[in-house]
């Protein structure tokens, strides 16, 4: 009876598989954070354009006083500084995404190395089992043939 293949490094392969899945989750989280920052950044850009448009429209009508101009300038300055802060945050988050992506690639490579090793060892095991089975079959055939007499084997005297 053929022995069942058992990969001795299976526990390590499973650990690497789990590490890869954990890294996938970390990468997904960092991508989500970067997307959230990008959305806030884009929303601030829209608010800034809207504030500028409202100011121009009000100036064209001629209904702007000094207080309204000052409020607009302060609001615009805040929007610009917040957008700049979010730009810096977005650059940092994108760097984190790239770092996490690199870690995921490394984790996947480590897992694949063990999977390829497992496949090679399993193929070698099956080849060895086939050789053993063929040797057993050959031995049985030789023993059966040697036990038959000259008349039983179909040979003429």
C-alpha atoms as a PDB file:
ATOM      1  CA  UNK A   1       0.000   0.000   0.000  1.00  0.00           C
ATOM      2  CA  UNK A   2       1.272   3.419  -0.959  1.00  0.00           C
ATOM      3  CA  UNK A   3       2.210   5.843   1.762  1.00  0.00           C
ATOM      4  CA  UNK A   4       0.278   9.088   1.862  1.00  0.00           C
ATOM      5  CA  UNK A   5       2.271  12.225   1.076  1.00  0.00           C
ATOM      6  CA  UNK A   6       2.948  14.394   4.090  1.00  0.00           C
ATOM      7  CA  UNK A   7       4.651  17.776   3.718  1.00  0.00           C
ATOM      8  CA  UNK A   8       6.760  18.328   6.812  1.00  0.00           C
ATOM      9  CA  UNK A   9       6.718  22.106   6.402  1.00  0.00           C
ATOM     10  CA  UNK A  10       2.917  22.316   6.160  1.00  0.00           C
ATOM     11  CA  UNK A  11       2.629  24.202   9.453  1.00  0.00           C
ATOM     12  CA  UNK A  12       5.085  26.833   8.216  1.00  0.00           C
ATOM     13  CA  UNK A  13       3.258  27.046   4.869  1.00  0.00           C
ATOM     14  CA  UNK A  14      -0.013  27.670   6.714  1.00  0.00           C
ATOM     15  CA  UNK A  15       1.638  30.345   8.864  1.00  0.00           C
ATOM     16  CA  UNK A  16       2.919  32.088   5.764  1.00  0.00           C
ATOM     17  CA  UNK A  17      -0.511  31.847   4.183  1.00  0.00           C
ATOM     18  CA  UNK A  18      -2.055  33.453   7.276  1.00  0.00           C
ATOM     19  CA  UNK A  19       0.631  36.143   7.286  1.00  0.00           C
ATOM     20  CA  UNK A  20      -0.176  36.909   3.652  1.00  0.00           C
ATOM     21  CA  UNK A  21      -3.902  37.194   4.410  1.00  0.00           C
ATOM     22  CA  UNK A  22      -3.145  39.467   7.382  1.00  0.00           C
ATOM     23  CA  UNK A  23      -0.967  41.636   5.145  1.00  0.00           C
ATOM     24  CA  UNK A  24      -3.808  41.799   2.602  1.00  0.00           C
ATOM     25  CA  UNK A  25      -6.066  43.163   5.338  1.00  0.00           C
ATOM     26  CA  UNK A  26      -3.438  45.731   6.400  1.00  0.00           C
ATOM     27  CA  UNK A  27      -3.022  46.842   2.788  1.00  0.00           C
ATOM     28  CA  UNK A  28      -6.792  47.100   2.311  1.00  0.00           C
ATOM     29  CA  UNK A  29      -7.037  49.261   5.434  1.00  0.00           C
ATOM     30  CA  UNK A  30      -4.231  51.567   4.304  1.00  0.00           C
ATOM     31  CA  UNK A  31      -5.827  51.887   0.850  1.00  0.00           C
ATOM     32  CA  UNK A  32      -9.154  52.747   2.479  1.00  0.00           C
ATOM     33  CA  UNK A  33      -7.484  55.414   4.619  1.00  0.00           C
ATOM     34  CA  UNK A  34      -5.729  56.897   1.588  1.00  0.00           C
ATOM     35  CA  UNK A  35      -9.018  56.960  -0.341  1.00  0.00           C
ATOM     36  CA  UNK A  36     -10.754  58.639   2.575  1.00  0.00           C
ATOM     37  CA  UNK A  37      -8.040  61.299   2.736  1.00  0.00           C
ATOM     38  CA  UNK A  38      -8.264  61.768  -1.041  1.00  0.00           C
ATOM     39  CA  UNK A  39     -12.046  62.229  -0.783  1.00  0.00           C
ATOM     40  CA  UNK A  40     -11.647  64.870   1.957  1.00  0.00           C
ATOM     41  CA  UNK A  41      -8.956  66.593  -0.119  1.00  0.00           C
ATOM     42  CA  UNK A  42     -11.209  66.626  -3.197  1.00  0.00           C
ATOM     43  CA  UNK A  43     -14.142  67.903  -1.138  1.00  0.00           C
ATOM     44  CA  UNK A  44     -12.022  70.789   0.159  1.00  0.00           C
ATOM     45  CA  UNK A  45     -11.057  71.649  -3.414  1.00  0.00           C
ATOM     46  CA  UNK A  46     -14.726  71.809  -4.343  1.00  0.00           C
ATOM     47  CA  UNK A  47     -15.507  73.977  -1.307  1.00  0.00           C
ATOM     48  CA  UNK A  48     -12.631  76.302  -2.205  1.00  0.00           C
ATOM     49  CA  UNK A  49     -13.835  76.725  -5.790  1.00  0.00           C
ATOM     50  CA  UNK A  50     -17.399  77.254  -4.574  1.00  0.00           C
ATOM     51  CA  UNK A  51     -16.274  79.954  -2.092  1.00  0.00           C
ATOM     52  CA  UNK A  52     -14.275  81.709  -4.819  1.00  0.00           C
ATOM     53  CA  UNK A  53     -17.262  81.591  -7.171  1.00  0.00           C
ATOM     54  CA  UNK A  54     -19.588  83.000  -4.523  1.00  0.00           C
ATOM     55  CA  UNK A  55     -17.156  85.814  -3.807  1.00  0.00           C
ATOM     56  CA  UNK A  56     -16.802  86.718  -7.491  1.00  0.00           C
ATOM     57  CA  UNK A  57     -20.572  86.617  -7.947  1.00  0.00           C
ATOM     58  CA  UNK A  58     -21.060  88.872  -4.932  1.00  0.00           C
ATOM     59  CA  UNK A  59     -18.342  91.257  -6.156  1.00  0.00           C
ATOM     60  CA  UNK A  60     -20.009  91.514  -9.555  1.00  0.00           C
ATOM     61  CA  UNK A  61     -23.263  92.452  -7.911  1.00  0.00           C
ATOM     62  CA  UNK A  62     -21.371  94.982  -5.810  1.00  0.00           C
ATOM     63  CA  UNK A  63     -22.822  93.848  -2.512  1.00  0.00           C
ATOM     64  CA  UNK A  64     -19.515  93.056  -0.772  1.00  0.00           C
ATOM     65  CA  UNK A  65     -18.409  95.060   2.188  1.00  0.00           C
ATOM     66  CA  UNK A  66     -15.055  95.008   3.944  1.00  0.00           C
ATOM     67  CA  UNK A  67     -16.256  92.599   6.620  1.00  0.00           C
ATOM     68  CA  UNK A  68     -17.491  90.089   4.011  1.00  0.00           C
ATOM     69  CA  UNK A  69     -14.212  90.375   2.099  1.00  0.00           C
ATOM     70  CA  UNK A  70     -12.230  89.711   5.307  1.00  0.00           C
ATOM     71  CA  UNK A  71     -14.431  86.715   6.178  1.00  0.00           C
ATOM     72  CA  UNK A  72     -13.940  85.332   2.696  1.00  0.00           C
ATOM     73  CA  UNK A  73     -10.160  85.781   2.936  1.00  0.00           C
ATOM     74  CA  UNK A  74     -10.043  84.043   6.314  1.00  0.00           C
ATOM     75  CA  UNK A  75     -12.264  81.209   5.108  1.00  0.00           C
ATOM     76  CA  UNK A  76     -10.206  80.835   1.925  1.00  0.00           C
ATOM     77  CA  UNK A  77      -6.950  80.843   3.929  1.00  0.00           C
ATOM     78  CA  UNK A  78      -8.327  78.132   6.222  1.00  0.00           C
ATOM     79  CA  UNK A  79      -9.488  76.052   3.243  1.00  0.00           C
ATOM     80  CA  UNK A  80      -6.067  76.380   1.594  1.00  0.00           C
ATOM     81  CA  UNK A  81      -4.172  75.451   4.759  1.00  0.00           C
ATOM     82  CA  UNK A  82      -6.481  72.485   5.373  1.00  0.00           C
ATOM     83  CA  UNK A  83      -6.082  71.363   1.760  1.00  0.00           C
ATOM     84  CA  UNK A  84      -2.294  71.643   2.084  1.00  0.00           C
ATOM     85  CA  UNK A  85      -2.396  69.626   5.320  1.00  0.00           C
ATOM     86  CA  UNK A  86      -4.494  66.961   3.585  1.00  0.00           C
ATOM     87  CA  UNK A  87      -2.091  66.952   0.633  1.00  0.00           C
ATOM     88  CA  UNK A  88       0.779  66.192   3.027  1.00  0.00           C
ATOM     89  CA  UNK A  89      -1.317  63.532   4.776  1.00  0.00           C
ATOM     90  CA  UNK A  90      -2.242  61.994   1.421  1.00  0.00           C
ATOM     91  CA  UNK A  91       1.419  61.765   0.380  1.00  0.00           C
ATOM     92  CA  UNK A  92       2.197  59.996   3.671  1.00  0.00           C
ATOM     93  CA  UNK A  93      -0.755  57.630   3.296  1.00  0.00           C
ATOM     94  CA  UNK A  94       0.244  56.775  -0.277  1.00  0.00           C
ATOM     95  CA  UNK A  95       3.767  56.006   0.954  1.00  0.00           C
ATOM     96  CA  UNK A  96       2.244  53.700   3.584  1.00  0.00           C
ATOM     97  CA  UNK A  97       0.157  51.994   0.888  1.00  0.00           C
ATOM     98  CA  UNK A  98       3.267  51.372  -1.206  1.00  0.00           C
ATOM     99  CA  UNK A  99       5.176  50.039   1.811  1.00  0.00           C
ATOM    100  CA  UNK A 100       2.291  47.713   2.723  1.00  0.00           C
ATOM    101  CA  UNK A 101       2.004  46.592  -0.902  1.00  0.00           C
ATOM    102  CA  UNK A 102       5.709  45.708  -0.879  1.00  0.00           C
ATOM    103  CA  UNK A 103       5.231  43.725   2.326  1.00  0.00           C
ATOM    104  CA  UNK A 104       2.326  41.873   0.704  1.00  0.00           C
ATOM    105  CA  UNK A 105       4.435  41.018  -2.335  1.00  0.00           C
ATOM    106  CA  UNK A 106       7.146  39.673  -0.017  1.00  0.00           C
ATOM    107  CA  UNK A 107       4.620  37.621   1.982  1.00  0.00           C
ATOM    108  CA  UNK A 108       3.155  36.192  -1.235  1.00  0.00           C
ATOM    109  CA  UNK A 109       6.632  35.270  -2.488  1.00  0.00           C
ATOM    110  CA  UNK A 110       7.442  33.488   0.770  1.00  0.00           C
ATOM    111  CA  UNK A 111       4.210  31.513   0.563  1.00  0.00           C
ATOM    112  CA  UNK A 112       4.785  30.636  -3.100  1.00  0.00           C
ATOM    113  CA  UNK A 113       8.286  29.356  -2.345  1.00  0.00           C
ATOM    114  CA  UNK A 114       6.864  26.853   0.124  1.00  0.00           C
ATOM    115  CA  UNK A 115       4.022  25.901  -2.215  1.00  0.00           C
ATOM    116  CA  UNK A 116       6.488  25.196  -5.033  1.00  0.00           C
ATOM    117  CA  UNK A 117       8.645  23.166  -2.639  1.00  0.00           C
ATOM    118  CA  UNK A 118       5.554  21.233  -1.567  1.00  0.00           C
ATOM    119  CA  UNK A 119       4.626  20.545  -5.209  1.00  0.00           C
ATOM    120  CA  UNK A 120       8.145  19.322  -6.025  1.00  0.00           C
ATOM    121  CA  UNK A 121       8.283  17.080  -2.968  1.00  0.00           C
ATOM    122  CA  UNK A 122       4.823  15.706  -3.676  1.00  0.00           C
ATOM    123  CA  UNK A 123       5.807  14.936  -7.279  1.00  0.00           C
ATOM    124  CA  UNK A 124       8.989  13.233  -6.051  1.00  0.00           C
ATOM    125  CA  UNK A 125       6.932  11.254  -3.528  1.00  0.00           C
ATOM    126  CA  UNK A 126       4.483  10.079  -6.191  1.00  0.00           C
ATOM    127  CA  UNK A 127       7.352   9.125  -8.473  1.00  0.00           C
ATOM    128  CA  UNK A 128       8.948   7.100  -5.661  1.00  0.00           C
ATOM    129  CA  UNK A 129       5.625   5.400  -4.885  1.00  0.00           C
ATOM    130  CA  UNK A 130       5.199   4.491  -8.570  1.00  0.00           C
ATOM    131  CA  UNK A 131       8.716   3.017  -8.680  1.00  0.00           C
ATOM    132  CA  UNK A 132       8.010   0.996  -5.529  1.00  0.00           C
ATOM    133  CA  UNK A 133       4.699  -0.244  -6.935  1.00  0.00           C
ATOM    134  CA  UNK A 134       6.352  -1.125 -10.247  1.00  0.00           C
ATOM    135  CA  UNK A 135       9.118  -3.008  -8.403  1.00  0.00           C
ATOM    136  CA  UNK A 136       6.497  -4.924  -6.397  1.00  0.00           C
ATOM    137  CA  UNK A 137       4.546  -5.734  -9.555  1.00  0.00           C
ATOM    138  CA  UNK A 138       7.733  -6.868 -11.306  1.00  0.00           C
ATOM    139  CA  UNK A 139       8.705  -9.026  -8.333  1.00  0.00           C
ATOM    140  CA  UNK A 140       5.260 -10.647  -8.270  1.00  0.00           C
ATOM    141  CA  UNK A 141       5.463 -11.321 -12.001  1.00  0.00           C
ATOM    142  CA  UNK A 142       8.929 -12.881 -11.651  1.00  0.00           C
ATOM    143  CA  UNK A 143       7.856 -15.043  -8.719  1.00  0.00           C
ATOM    144  CA  UNK A 144       4.718 -16.153 -10.525  1.00  0.00           C
ATOM    145  CA  UNK A 145       6.669 -16.998 -13.658  1.00  0.00           C
ATOM    146  CA  UNK A 146       9.396 -18.889 -11.736  1.00  0.00           C
ATOM    147  CA  UNK A 147       6.810 -21.013  -9.867  1.00  0.00           C
ATOM    148  CA  UNK A 148       5.181 -22.188 -13.062  1.00  0.00           C
ATOM    149  CA  UNK A 149       6.608 -25.335 -14.513  1.00  0.00           C
ATOM    150  CA  UNK A 150       7.695 -25.639 -18.119  1.00  0.00           C
ATOM    151  CA  UNK A 151       4.256 -26.959 -19.183  1.00  0.00           C
ATOM    152  CA  UNK A 152       2.353 -24.305 -17.266  1.00  0.00           C
ATOM    153  CA  UNK A 153       4.285 -21.454 -18.770  1.00  0.00           C
ATOM    154  CA  UNK A 154       3.451 -22.594 -22.286  1.00  0.00           C
ATOM    155  CA  UNK A 155       6.968 -23.760 -23.161  1.00  0.00           C
ATOM    156  CA  UNK A 156       7.460 -26.888 -25.261  1.00  0.00           C
ATOM    157  CA  UNK A 157       9.786 -29.647 -24.201  1.00  0.00           C
END
